[in-house]
């Protein structure tokens, strides 16, 4: 299984970006896909997650109302639409996948990880 994240870049505060994560090697029909991020000098943190089947979504308080996670099952791809970006959103963003239904906010629950894509938000 490979997860390929893309869409990162350098933007100004208030701008938007859409990240994509394409999964290959298997078709996911259960479990979660999640987005995590690691800011410079900080621990990795949960950002958002979505279930493949029902499309239930979950967000960290820090991104709720600004980020939207969605999926395209036919393309085996998950997206993270990020609006009203802030300098504190600057981080490497990682997508991750699991076939289980554990704690979606814990990185330990995920079996597969992408390499990450850098998002830099200037003030």
Protein backbone atom coordinates (compact mmCIF):
# COMPACT_ATOMS: atom_id res chain seq x y z
CA UNK A 1 0.00 0.00 0.00
CA UNK A 2 1.26 3.44 -0.90
CA UNK A 3 -0.17 6.79 0.07
CA UNK A 4 0.88 9.76 -2.00
CA UNK A 5 0.14 13.17 -0.54
CA UNK A 6 0.30 16.27 -2.68
CA UNK A 7 -0.93 19.85 -2.87
CA UNK A 8 1.27 21.57 -0.33
CA UNK A 9 2.92 24.90 -0.98
CA UNK A 10 3.62 28.42 0.21
CA UNK A 11 0.61 30.65 0.75
CA UNK A 12 -0.29 33.77 2.66
CA UNK A 13 -2.46 33.93 5.74
CA UNK A 14 -6.12 33.77 4.77
CA UNK A 15 -5.46 31.77 1.60
CA UNK A 16 -6.69 28.27 0.80
CA UNK A 17 -5.04 25.03 -0.26
CA UNK A 18 -6.36 21.58 -1.08
CA UNK A 19 -4.29 18.57 -0.21
CA UNK A 20 -4.83 15.22 -1.90
CA UNK A 21 -3.88 11.74 -0.79
CA UNK A 22 -4.07 8.97 -3.36
CA UNK A 23 -3.98 5.40 -2.10
CA UNK A 24 -2.67 2.60 -4.27
CA UNK A 25 -2.00 -1.06 -3.74
CA UNK A 26 -5.41 -1.89 -2.33
CA UNK A 27 -8.94 -0.58 -2.31
CA UNK A 28 -10.07 0.71 1.05
CA UNK A 29 -13.63 -0.25 1.91
CA UNK A 30 -13.51 0.10 5.67
CA UNK A 31 -11.65 2.04 8.32
CA UNK A 32 -10.38 5.58 8.36
CA UNK A 33 -8.23 7.89 6.37
CA UNK A 34 -6.67 10.65 8.42
CA UNK A 35 -4.58 13.76 8.07
CA UNK A 36 -1.95 14.55 10.65
CA UNK A 37 0.55 17.36 10.76
CA UNK A 38 3.89 18.10 12.33
CA UNK A 39 4.85 21.74 12.83
CA UNK A 40 8.52 22.71 13.20
CA UNK A 41 9.75 21.75 16.64
CA UNK A 42 6.45 20.19 17.66
CA UNK A 43 4.94 16.76 18.00
CA UNK A 44 2.78 15.27 15.29
CA UNK A 45 -0.88 16.09 15.83
CA UNK A 46 -4.19 14.95 14.46
CA UNK A 47 -5.98 17.26 12.04
CA UNK A 48 -8.91 15.42 10.46
CA UNK A 49 -10.24 11.95 9.65
CA UNK A 50 -12.97 10.40 7.56
CA UNK A 51 -14.48 6.93 7.34
CA UNK A 52 -14.37 5.30 3.93
CA UNK A 53 -17.87 3.82 4.06
CA UNK A 54 -20.15 6.36 5.70
CA UNK A 55 -18.00 9.43 5.17
CA UNK A 56 -18.22 10.42 8.82
CA UNK A 57 -15.79 13.22 9.54
CA UNK A 58 -13.79 14.24 12.59
CA UNK A 59 -11.68 17.34 13.21
CA UNK A 60 -9.24 18.71 15.69
CA UNK A 61 -10.55 21.82 17.43
CA UNK A 62 -7.71 23.84 15.91
CA UNK A 63 -8.97 23.25 12.35
CA UNK A 64 -12.71 22.82 12.86
CA UNK A 65 -14.69 25.24 10.72
CA UNK A 66 -11.71 25.95 8.44
CA UNK A 67 -10.68 22.52 7.11
CA UNK A 68 -12.89 20.02 5.33
CA UNK A 69 -11.96 16.41 4.72
CA UNK A 70 -13.64 14.47 1.93
CA UNK A 71 -13.11 11.29 -0.06
CA UNK A 72 -13.64 9.94 -3.52
CA UNK A 73 -14.03 6.20 -3.16
CA UNK A 74 -13.87 5.61 -6.90
CA UNK A 75 -10.46 7.27 -7.02
CA UNK A 76 -9.29 5.89 -3.66
CA UNK A 77 -8.39 9.46 -2.79
CA UNK A 78 -8.95 11.69 0.21
CA UNK A 79 -8.80 15.46 0.19
CA UNK A 80 -8.21 18.13 2.80
CA UNK A 81 -9.59 21.51 1.85
CA UNK A 82 -7.90 24.12 4.01
CA UNK A 83 -9.41 27.59 4.14
CA UNK A 84 -8.53 30.70 6.15
CA UNK A 85 -5.03 29.40 6.66
CA UNK A 86 -3.01 30.78 9.54
CA UNK A 87 0.75 30.87 10.11
CA UNK A 88 0.25 28.28 12.86
CA UNK A 89 -1.01 25.84 10.22
CA UNK A 90 2.52 25.67 8.85
CA UNK A 91 3.55 22.03 9.02
CA UNK A 92 4.29 18.90 7.08
CA UNK A 93 0.96 17.23 6.48
CA UNK A 94 0.76 13.45 6.40
CA UNK A 95 -2.07 11.25 5.27
CA UNK A 96 -2.58 7.91 6.93
CA UNK A 97 -4.93 4.97 6.51
CA UNK A 98 -6.24 2.18 8.65
CA UNK A 99 -8.64 -0.66 8.05
CA UNK A 100 -9.68 -0.63 11.68
CA UNK A 101 -11.91 1.58 13.76
CA UNK A 102 -9.67 2.53 16.63
CA UNK A 103 -8.96 5.99 17.94
CA UNK A 104 -8.99 8.05 14.74
CA UNK A 105 -7.04 10.85 16.47
CA UNK A 106 -4.15 8.60 17.45
CA UNK A 107 -1.36 7.96 15.01
CA UNK A 108 -0.92 4.54 16.56
CA UNK A 109 -4.26 3.45 15.09
CA UNK A 110 -3.05 3.87 11.52
CA UNK A 111 -1.30 1.19 9.49
CA UNK A 112 -0.15 3.11 6.44
CA UNK A 113 1.48 6.52 6.10
CA UNK A 114 2.38 8.81 3.23
CA UNK A 115 5.60 10.80 3.08
CA UNK A 116 4.00 14.15 3.73
CA UNK A 117 3.59 17.44 1.95
CA UNK A 118 4.81 20.78 3.28
CA UNK A 119 2.39 23.62 3.87
CA UNK A 120 3.90 27.01 4.69
CA UNK A 121 1.66 29.92 5.62
CA UNK A 122 3.27 33.33 5.74
CA UNK A 123 1.86 36.20 7.79
